[in-house]
Each structure stands twice: as structure tokens, then as C-alpha cells.
Amino acid sequence: FFGQSDLHGAIGHMALMASLVLVLFIGIAQFIPAKYALLLATMIVFAVGTSTEVYQAGVFGRSSTLADLLGNWAGTFAAAYGLAFLSSLLHKPSRR
């Protein structure tokens, strides 16, 4: 299903990186405060997604495209934004 075109590949990369942010956030938040866990998870996934594409460019038979890199970044930051937004809704101070 994914990988038939650059767009399909980028969508797959977005889903993969978003999932990785979520899983890392849940794991790291067990040990440090959530706002720092989210920042750390985002930075790790951003670095992994970028370095994977850079390394892949030098592997024979593989290709690294800008669409894949942008998909990695979009998935990473979309998940981080979604988690930050959800956290702000859940921890909103009550107005009494």
C-alpha cells in the first residue's frame, strides 16, 4: 500500500515518526516531567528521522528523497503538537 509513490512513502514516514514520538513520550514520561519528556522524544525522533535519510542516501539500491525527509519532520512535529495540545486541555486550570 505505502511506497508506491513519493507521496505514499511520505505518508508512511509521517505515521512511523508520529508513532515513534508517541511511544517514546509515554516511556520517557515515566521518569521525567511530561513537558521535558515531550521535548526529548521530539528531539530524538527528529534526529533519528533526519539521520536515517542522510545515511540512506549513501546506501546502494536505496534512495533518500526530500518527500521522505519532510514526511519524517511532519510526522514528528504533528505528533508533538498533538500531544502538547492534549496535555494543555487535560491540565487546564479550573476557573472557579
Protein backbone atom coordinates (compact mmCIF):
# COMPACT_ATOMS: atom_id res chain seq x y z
CA PHE A 1 0.00 0.00 0.00
CA PHE A 2 2.65 2.51 1.02
CA GLY A 3 5.72 3.11 -1.08
CA GLN A 4 4.02 3.10 -4.50
CA SER A 5 4.89 6.79 -4.96
CA ASP A 6 6.79 9.50 -3.14
CA LEU A 7 3.55 10.72 -1.59
CA HIS A 8 2.62 7.28 -0.30
CA GLY A 9 6.12 6.86 1.09
CA ALA A 10 5.96 10.24 2.83
CA ILE A 11 2.61 9.35 4.40
CA GLY A 12 4.13 6.13 5.70
CA HIS A 13 7.08 8.06 7.12
CA MET A 14 4.72 10.51 8.83
CA ALA A 15 2.82 7.68 10.51
CA LEU A 16 6.02 5.92 11.57
CA MET A 17 7.61 9.02 13.10
CA ALA A 18 4.37 10.09 14.81
CA SER A 19 4.09 6.63 16.35
CA LEU A 20 7.69 6.77 17.49
CA VAL A 21 7.14 10.15 19.19
CA LEU A 22 4.09 8.78 21.00
CA VAL A 23 5.83 5.61 22.20
CA LEU A 24 8.97 7.45 23.30
CA PHE A 25 6.92 10.11 25.08
CA ILE A 26 4.97 7.50 27.02
CA GLY A 27 8.17 5.72 28.02
CA ILE A 28 10.21 8.78 28.93
CA ALA A 29 7.32 10.43 30.82
CA GLN A 30 7.55 7.59 33.34
CA PHE A 31 10.84 9.05 34.55
CA ILE A 32 10.79 12.81 33.93
CA PRO A 33 8.07 15.50 33.79
CA ALA A 34 5.83 15.32 30.74
CA LYS A 35 6.87 18.65 29.19
CA TYR A 36 10.52 17.59 29.20
CA ALA A 37 9.65 14.08 28.04
CA LEU A 38 7.83 15.52 25.04
CA LEU A 39 10.75 17.77 24.16
CA LEU A 40 13.23 14.92 24.49
CA ALA A 41 11.09 12.48 22.50
CA THR A 42 10.64 15.08 19.73
CA MET A 43 14.35 15.82 19.53
CA ILE A 44 15.26 12.12 19.44
CA VAL A 45 12.77 11.31 16.68
CA PHE A 46 13.75 14.41 14.70
CA ALA A 47 17.41 13.30 14.86
CA VAL A 48 16.59 9.68 14.00
CA GLY A 49 14.38 10.65 11.05
CA THR A 50 16.92 13.08 9.65
CA SER A 51 19.95 10.85 10.13
CA THR A 52 18.14 7.87 8.61
CA GLU A 53 17.52 9.78 5.41
CA VAL A 54 21.09 11.10 5.31
CA TYR A 55 22.58 7.64 5.83
CA GLN A 56 20.17 6.08 3.35
CA ALA A 57 21.43 8.40 0.61
CA GLY A 58 24.77 6.56 0.67
CA VAL A 59 23.38 3.02 0.55
CA PHE A 60 23.45 1.28 -2.82
CA GLY A 61 19.96 0.38 -4.02
CA ARG A 62 18.20 2.75 -1.62
CA SER A 63 17.10 6.29 -2.21
CA SER A 64 16.58 9.25 0.04
CA THR A 65 14.02 11.78 -1.11
CA LEU A 66 13.05 15.18 0.13
CA ALA A 67 9.46 13.93 0.40
CA ASP A 68 10.58 11.24 2.86
CA LEU A 69 12.53 13.75 4.93
CA LEU A 70 9.62 16.17 5.01
CA GLY A 71 7.31 13.29 5.92
CA ASN A 72 9.60 12.43 8.82
CA TRP A 73 9.58 16.01 10.05
CA ALA A 74 5.84 16.49 9.55
CA GLY A 75 5.00 13.31 11.46
CA THR A 76 7.37 14.22 14.27
CA PHE A 77 6.06 17.72 14.76
CA ALA A 78 2.40 16.83 14.21
CA ALA A 79 2.59 14.22 16.97
CA ALA A 80 4.45 16.61 19.27
CA TYR A 81 1.90 19.35 18.66
CA GLY A 82 -0.99 16.94 19.20
CA LEU A 83 0.47 15.68 22.47
CA ALA A 84 1.18 19.23 23.69
CA PHE A 85 -2.35 20.31 22.79
CA LEU A 86 -3.87 17.30 24.53
CA SER A 87 -1.74 17.95 27.59
CA SER A 88 -2.85 21.58 27.71
CA LEU A 89 -6.50 20.50 27.59
CA LEU A 90 -6.06 17.93 30.33
CA HIS A 91 -4.12 20.25 32.63
CA LYS A 92 -6.12 23.41 32.09
CA PRO A 93 -6.65 25.21 35.43
CA SER A 94 -10.25 25.39 36.54
CA ARG A 95 -11.95 28.80 36.67
CA ARG A 96 -13.79 28.94 39.98
